[in-house]
């Protein structure tokens, strides 16, 4: 069975990542996967989660 992620608009992703210009630059530079339907652009929720996880820096514990 295939599961389909919820597709988010650029504006919805911008609310999470901090700016529409930033998200559009990620798309333009092809640094994030996206779906294009004619002129509309969508980003799967799991793609946003992976993007955040790949840039998460672990906390160092004091010795």
PDB file of N, CA and C in Angstrom:
ATOM      1  N   UNK A   1       0.846  -1.182   0.000  1.00  0.00           N
ATOM      2  CA  UNK A   1       0.000   0.000   0.000  1.00  0.00           C
ATOM      3  C   UNK A   1       0.887   1.240   0.000  1.00  0.00           C
ATOM      4  N   UNK A   2       0.550   2.205  -0.808  1.00  0.00           N
ATOM      5  CA  UNK A   2       1.318   3.442  -0.905  1.00  0.00           C
ATOM      6  C   UNK A   2       0.661   4.502  -0.038  1.00  0.00           C
ATOM      7  N   UNK A   3       1.468   5.158   0.786  1.00  0.00           N
ATOM      8  CA  UNK A   3       0.946   6.267   1.581  1.00  0.00           C
ATOM      9  C   UNK A   3       1.385   7.570   0.939  1.00  0.00           C
ATOM     10  N   UNK A   4       0.505   8.521   0.936  1.00  0.00           N
ATOM     11  CA  UNK A   4       0.778   9.814   0.323  1.00  0.00           C
ATOM     12  C   UNK A   4       0.853  10.859   1.422  1.00  0.00           C
ATOM     13  N   UNK A   5       1.951  11.616   1.415  1.00  0.00           N
ATOM     14  CA  UNK A   5       2.109  12.699   2.371  1.00  0.00           C
ATOM     15  C   UNK A   5       1.170  13.847   2.035  1.00  0.00           C
ATOM     16  N   UNK A   6       0.919  14.623   3.036  1.00  0.00           N
ATOM     17  CA  UNK A   6       0.179  15.856   2.812  1.00  0.00           C
ATOM     18  C   UNK A   6       1.104  16.824   2.087  1.00  0.00           C
ATOM     19  N   UNK A   7       0.608  17.467   1.047  1.00  0.00           N
ATOM     20  CA  UNK A   7       1.406  18.429   0.304  1.00  0.00           C
ATOM     21  C   UNK A   7       1.179  19.818   0.878  1.00  0.00           C
ATOM     22  N   UNK A   8       2.276  20.499   1.166  1.00  0.00           N
ATOM     23  CA  UNK A   8       2.224  21.832   1.756  1.00  0.00           C
ATOM     24  C   UNK A   8       2.532  22.883   0.708  1.00  0.00           C
ATOM     25  N   UNK A   9       1.922  24.040   0.840  1.00  0.00           N
ATOM     26  CA  UNK A   9       2.231  25.155  -0.052  1.00  0.00           C
ATOM     27  C   UNK A   9       3.546  25.784   0.390  1.00  0.00           C
ATOM     28  N   UNK A  10       4.095  26.617  -0.465  1.00  0.00           N
ATOM     29  CA  UNK A  10       5.329  27.322  -0.123  1.00  0.00           C
ATOM     30  C   UNK A  10       5.109  28.170   1.128  1.00  0.00           C
ATOM     31  N   UNK A  11       3.966  28.804   1.224  1.00  0.00           N
ATOM     32  CA  UNK A  11       3.659  29.646   2.388  1.00  0.00           C
ATOM     33  C   UNK A  11       3.602  28.820   3.677  1.00  0.00           C
ATOM     34  N   UNK A  12       3.017  27.627   3.605  1.00  0.00           N
ATOM     35  CA  UNK A  12       2.945  26.768   4.795  1.00  0.00           C
ATOM     36  C   UNK A  12       4.341  26.318   5.222  1.00  0.00           C
ATOM     37  N   UNK A  13       5.191  25.978   4.252  1.00  0.00           N
ATOM     38  CA  UNK A  13       6.564  25.585   4.581  1.00  0.00           C
ATOM     39  C   UNK A  13       7.330  26.775   5.134  1.00  0.00           C
ATOM     40  N   UNK A  14       7.070  27.957   4.598  1.00  0.00           N
ATOM     41  CA  UNK A  14       7.734  29.171   5.080  1.00  0.00           C
ATOM     42  C   UNK A  14       7.395  29.437   6.544  1.00  0.00           C
ATOM     43  N   UNK A  15       6.186  29.111   6.963  1.00  0.00           N
ATOM     44  CA  UNK A  15       5.809  29.275   8.370  1.00  0.00           C
ATOM     45  C   UNK A  15       6.668  28.403   9.272  1.00  0.00           C
ATOM     46  N   UNK A  16       7.089  27.256   8.768  1.00  0.00           N
ATOM     47  CA  UNK A  16       7.912  26.327   9.548  1.00  0.00           C
ATOM     48  C   UNK A  16       9.394  26.696   9.469  1.00  0.00           C
ATOM     49  N   UNK A  17       9.869  27.017   8.262  1.00  0.00           N
ATOM     50  CA  UNK A  17      11.297  27.240   8.052  1.00  0.00           C
ATOM     51  C   UNK A  17      11.733  28.696   8.203  1.00  0.00           C
ATOM     52  N   UNK A  18      10.782  29.616   8.252  1.00  0.00           N
ATOM     53  CA  UNK A  18      11.157  30.979   8.571  1.00  0.00           C
ATOM     54  C   UNK A  18      11.220  31.986   7.448  1.00  0.00           C
ATOM     55  N   UNK A  19      10.592  31.764   6.343  1.00  0.00           N
ATOM     56  CA  UNK A  19      10.545  32.797   5.319  1.00  0.00           C
ATOM     57  C   UNK A  19      10.291  32.246   3.936  1.00  0.00           C
ATOM     58  N   UNK A  20       9.400  32.932   3.220  1.00  0.00           N
ATOM     59  CA  UNK A  20       9.029  32.477   1.882  1.00  0.00           C
ATOM     60  C   UNK A  20      10.191  32.624   0.902  1.00  0.00           C
ATOM     61  N   UNK A  21      10.971  33.699   1.011  1.00  0.00           N
ATOM     62  CA  UNK A  21      12.124  33.869   0.121  1.00  0.00           C
ATOM     63  C   UNK A  21      13.117  32.732   0.296  1.00  0.00           C
ATOM     64  N   UNK A  22      13.319  32.316   1.546  1.00  0.00           N
ATOM     65  CA  UNK A  22      14.240  31.220   1.842  1.00  0.00           C
ATOM     66  C   UNK A  22      13.764  29.928   1.179  1.00  0.00           C
ATOM     67  N   UNK A  23      12.475  29.624   1.313  1.00  0.00           N
ATOM     68  CA  UNK A  23      11.922  28.396   0.734  1.00  0.00           C
ATOM     69  C   UNK A  23      12.005  28.452  -0.791  1.00  0.00           C
ATOM     70  N   UNK A  24      11.676  29.581  -1.378  1.00  0.00           N
ATOM     71  CA  UNK A  24      11.753  29.714  -2.836  1.00  0.00           C
ATOM     72  C   UNK A  24      13.193  29.574  -3.329  1.00  0.00           C
ATOM     73  N   UNK A  25      14.167  30.051  -2.545  1.00  0.00           N
ATOM     74  CA  UNK A  25      15.568  29.876  -2.922  1.00  0.00           C
ATOM     75  C   UNK A  25      15.968  28.410  -2.849  1.00  0.00           C
ATOM     76  N   UNK A  26      15.500  27.690  -1.825  1.00  0.00           N
ATOM     77  CA  UNK A  26      15.766  26.255  -1.727  1.00  0.00           C
ATOM     78  C   UNK A  26      15.230  25.524  -2.950  1.00  0.00           C
ATOM     79  N   UNK A  27      14.048  25.919  -3.401  1.00  0.00           N
ATOM     80  CA  UNK A  27      13.441  25.307  -4.579  1.00  0.00           C
ATOM     81  C   UNK A  27      14.249  25.654  -5.822  1.00  0.00           C
ATOM     82  N   UNK A  28      14.568  26.928  -5.989  1.00  0.00           N
ATOM     83  CA  UNK A  28      15.301  27.373  -7.171  1.00  0.00           C
ATOM     84  C   UNK A  28      16.658  26.691  -7.292  1.00  0.00           C
ATOM     85  N   UNK A  29      17.332  26.508  -6.151  1.00  0.00           N
ATOM     86  CA  UNK A  29      18.649  25.870  -6.142  1.00  0.00           C
ATOM     87  C   UNK A  29      18.541  24.348  -6.081  1.00  0.00           C
ATOM     88  N   UNK A  30      17.315  23.844  -6.090  1.00  0.00           N
ATOM     89  CA  UNK A  30      17.037  22.402  -6.026  1.00  0.00           C
ATOM     90  C   UNK A  30      17.697  21.736  -4.819  1.00  0.00           C
ATOM     91  N   UNK A  31      17.594  22.428  -3.685  1.00  0.00           N
ATOM     92  CA  UNK A  31      18.137  21.893  -2.433  1.00  0.00           C
ATOM     93  C   UNK A  31      17.063  21.204  -1.604  1.00  0.00           C
ATOM     94  N   UNK A  32      15.816  21.249  -2.093  1.00  0.00           N
ATOM     95  CA  UNK A  32      14.710  20.565  -1.435  1.00  0.00           C
ATOM     96  C   UNK A  32      13.799  20.007  -2.528  1.00  0.00           C
ATOM     97  N   UNK A  33      13.262  18.816  -2.288  1.00  0.00           N
ATOM     98  CA  UNK A  33      12.377  18.189  -3.279  1.00  0.00           C
ATOM     99  C   UNK A  33      11.030  18.901  -3.285  1.00  0.00           C
ATOM    100  N   UNK A  34      10.436  18.992  -4.466  1.00  0.00           N
ATOM    101  CA  UNK A  34       9.127  19.629  -4.570  1.00  0.00           C
ATOM    102  C   UNK A  34       8.319  19.003  -5.693  1.00  0.00           C
ATOM    103  N   UNK A  35       7.031  19.295  -5.688  1.00  0.00           N
ATOM    104  CA  UNK A  35       6.105  18.825  -6.704  1.00  0.00           C
ATOM    105  C   UNK A  35       5.564  20.058  -7.410  1.00  0.00           C
ATOM    106  N   UNK A  36       5.585  20.036  -8.724  1.00  0.00           N
ATOM    107  CA  UNK A  36       5.076  21.175  -9.480  1.00  0.00           C
ATOM    108  C   UNK A  36       3.859  20.736 -10.281  1.00  0.00           C
ATOM    109  N   UNK A  37       2.772  21.455 -10.096  1.00  0.00           N
ATOM    110  CA  UNK A  37       1.534  21.217 -10.824  1.00  0.00           C
ATOM    111  C   UNK A  37       1.206  22.505 -11.574  1.00  0.00           C
ATOM    112  N   UNK A  38       1.523  22.488 -12.850  1.00  0.00           N
ATOM    113  CA  UNK A  38       1.439  23.688 -13.677  1.00  0.00           C
ATOM    114  C   UNK A  38       2.281  24.788 -13.047  1.00  0.00           C
ATOM    115  N   UNK A  39       1.656  25.800 -12.477  1.00  0.00           N
ATOM    116  CA  UNK A  39       2.425  26.904 -11.878  1.00  0.00           C
ATOM    117  C   UNK A  39       2.540  26.777 -10.361  1.00  0.00           C
ATOM    118  N   UNK A  40       1.768  25.886  -9.773  1.00  0.00           N
ATOM    119  CA  UNK A  40       1.774  25.748  -8.313  1.00  0.00           C
ATOM    120  C   UNK A  40       2.883  24.808  -7.873  1.00  0.00           C
ATOM    121  N   UNK A  41       3.464  25.124  -6.731  1.00  0.00           N
ATOM    122  CA  UNK A  41       4.554  24.323  -6.174  1.00  0.00           C
ATOM    123  C   UNK A  41       4.141  23.841  -4.788  1.00  0.00           C
ATOM    124  N   UNK A  42       4.385  22.552  -4.547  1.00  0.00           N
ATOM    125  CA  UNK A  42       4.069  21.949  -3.256  1.00  0.00           C
ATOM    126  C   UNK A  42       5.283  21.180  -2.749  1.00  0.00           C
ATOM    127  N   UNK A  43       5.362  21.051  -1.432  1.00  0.00           N
ATOM    128  CA  UNK A  43       6.439  20.285  -0.812  1.00  0.00           C
ATOM    129  C   UNK A  43       5.789  19.303   0.154  1.00  0.00           C
ATOM    130  N   UNK A  44       6.166  18.034   0.034  1.00  0.00           N
ATOM    131  CA  UNK A  44       5.598  17.004   0.898  1.00  0.00           C
ATOM    132  C   UNK A  44       6.046  17.221   2.343  1.00  0.00           C
ATOM    133  N   UNK A  45       5.146  16.938   3.249  1.00  0.00           N
ATOM    134  CA  UNK A  45       5.419  17.112   4.675  1.00  0.00           C
ATOM    135  C   UNK A  45       6.651  16.322   5.117  1.00  0.00           C
ATOM    136  N   UNK A  46       6.810  15.095   4.602  1.00  0.00           N
ATOM    137  CA  UNK A  46       7.966  14.274   4.982  1.00  0.00           C
ATOM    138  C   UNK A  46       9.274  14.875   4.480  1.00  0.00           C
ATOM    139  N   UNK A  47       9.227  15.589   3.352  1.00  0.00           N
ATOM    140  CA  UNK A  47      10.429  16.248   2.827  1.00  0.00           C
ATOM    141  C   UNK A  47      10.867  17.354   3.783  1.00  0.00           C
ATOM    142  N   UNK A  48       9.915  18.109   4.293  1.00  0.00           N
ATOM    143  CA  UNK A  48      10.228  19.175   5.251  1.00  0.00           C
ATOM    144  C   UNK A  48      10.811  18.567   6.525  1.00  0.00           C
ATOM    145  N   UNK A  49      10.214  17.472   6.994  1.00  0.00           N
ATOM    146  CA  UNK A  49      10.715  16.805   8.200  1.00  0.00           C
ATOM    147  C   UNK A  49      12.149  16.312   7.988  1.00  0.00           C
ATOM    148  N   UNK A  50      12.428  15.705   6.827  1.00  0.00           N
ATOM    149  CA  UNK A  50      13.789  15.235   6.536  1.00  0.00           C
ATOM    150  C   UNK A  50      14.765  16.397   6.434  1.00  0.00           C
ATOM    151  N   UNK A  51      14.334  17.498   5.821  1.00  0.00           N
ATOM    152  CA  UNK A  51      15.179  18.684   5.683  1.00  0.00           C
ATOM    153  C   UNK A  51      15.578  19.209   7.060  1.00  0.00           C
ATOM    154  N   UNK A  52      14.622  19.303   7.962  1.00  0.00           N
ATOM    155  CA  UNK A  52      14.900  19.780   9.318  1.00  0.00           C
ATOM    156  C   UNK A  52      15.809  18.800  10.054  1.00  0.00           C
ATOM    157  N   UNK A  53      15.519  17.508   9.954  1.00  0.00           N
ATOM    158  CA  UNK A  53      16.323  16.493  10.638  1.00  0.00           C
ATOM    159  C   UNK A  53      17.769  16.485  10.149  1.00  0.00           C
ATOM    160  N   UNK A  54      17.967  16.718   8.865  1.00  0.00           N
ATOM    161  CA  UNK A  54      19.321  16.693   8.331  1.00  0.00           C
ATOM    162  C   UNK A  54      20.149  17.897   8.761  1.00  0.00           C
ATOM    163  N   UNK A  55      19.490  18.935   9.244  1.00  0.00           N
ATOM    164  CA  UNK A  55      20.198  20.131   9.690  1.00  0.00           C
ATOM    165  C   UNK A  55      20.155  20.326  11.200  1.00  0.00           C
ATOM    166  N   UNK A  56      19.665  19.330  11.913  1.00  0.00           N
ATOM    167  CA  UNK A  56      19.589  19.400  13.363  1.00  0.00           C
ATOM    168  C   UNK A  56      20.943  19.023  13.961  1.00  0.00           C
ATOM    169  N   UNK A  57      21.440  19.888  14.825  1.00  0.00           N
ATOM    170  CA  UNK A  57      22.751  19.683  15.453  1.00  0.00           C
ATOM    171  C   UNK A  57      22.518  19.096  16.846  1.00  0.00           C
ATOM    172  N   UNK A  58      23.142  17.962  17.148  1.00  0.00           N
ATOM    173  CA  UNK A  58      22.945  17.342  18.464  1.00  0.00           C
ATOM    174  C   UNK A  58      23.572  18.192  19.577  1.00  0.00           C
ATOM    175  N   UNK A  59      23.007  18.088  20.757  1.00  0.00           N
ATOM    176  CA  UNK A  59      23.493  18.822  21.929  1.00  0.00           C
ATOM    177  C   UNK A  59      24.638  18.049  22.556  1.00  0.00           C
ATOM    178  N   UNK A  60      25.711  18.757  22.866  1.00  0.00           N
ATOM    179  CA  UNK A  60      26.843  18.116  23.569  1.00  0.00           C
ATOM    180  C   UNK A  60      26.578  18.156  25.057  1.00  0.00           C
ATOM    181  N   UNK A  61      26.863  17.055  25.689  1.00  0.00           N
ATOM    182  CA  UNK A  61      26.684  16.986  27.143  1.00  0.00           C
ATOM    183  C   UNK A  61      27.993  17.312  27.823  1.00  0.00           C
ATOM    184  N   UNK A  62      27.913  18.073  28.885  1.00  0.00           N
ATOM    185  CA  UNK A  62      29.116  18.450  29.624  1.00  0.00           C
ATOM    186  C   UNK A  62      29.709  17.231  30.316  1.00  0.00           C
ATOM    187  N   UNK A  63      31.010  17.179  30.339  1.00  0.00           N
ATOM    188  CA  UNK A  63      31.697  16.025  30.949  1.00  0.00           C
ATOM    189  C   UNK A  63      31.834  16.175  32.434  1.00  0.00           C
TER     190      UNK A  63
END
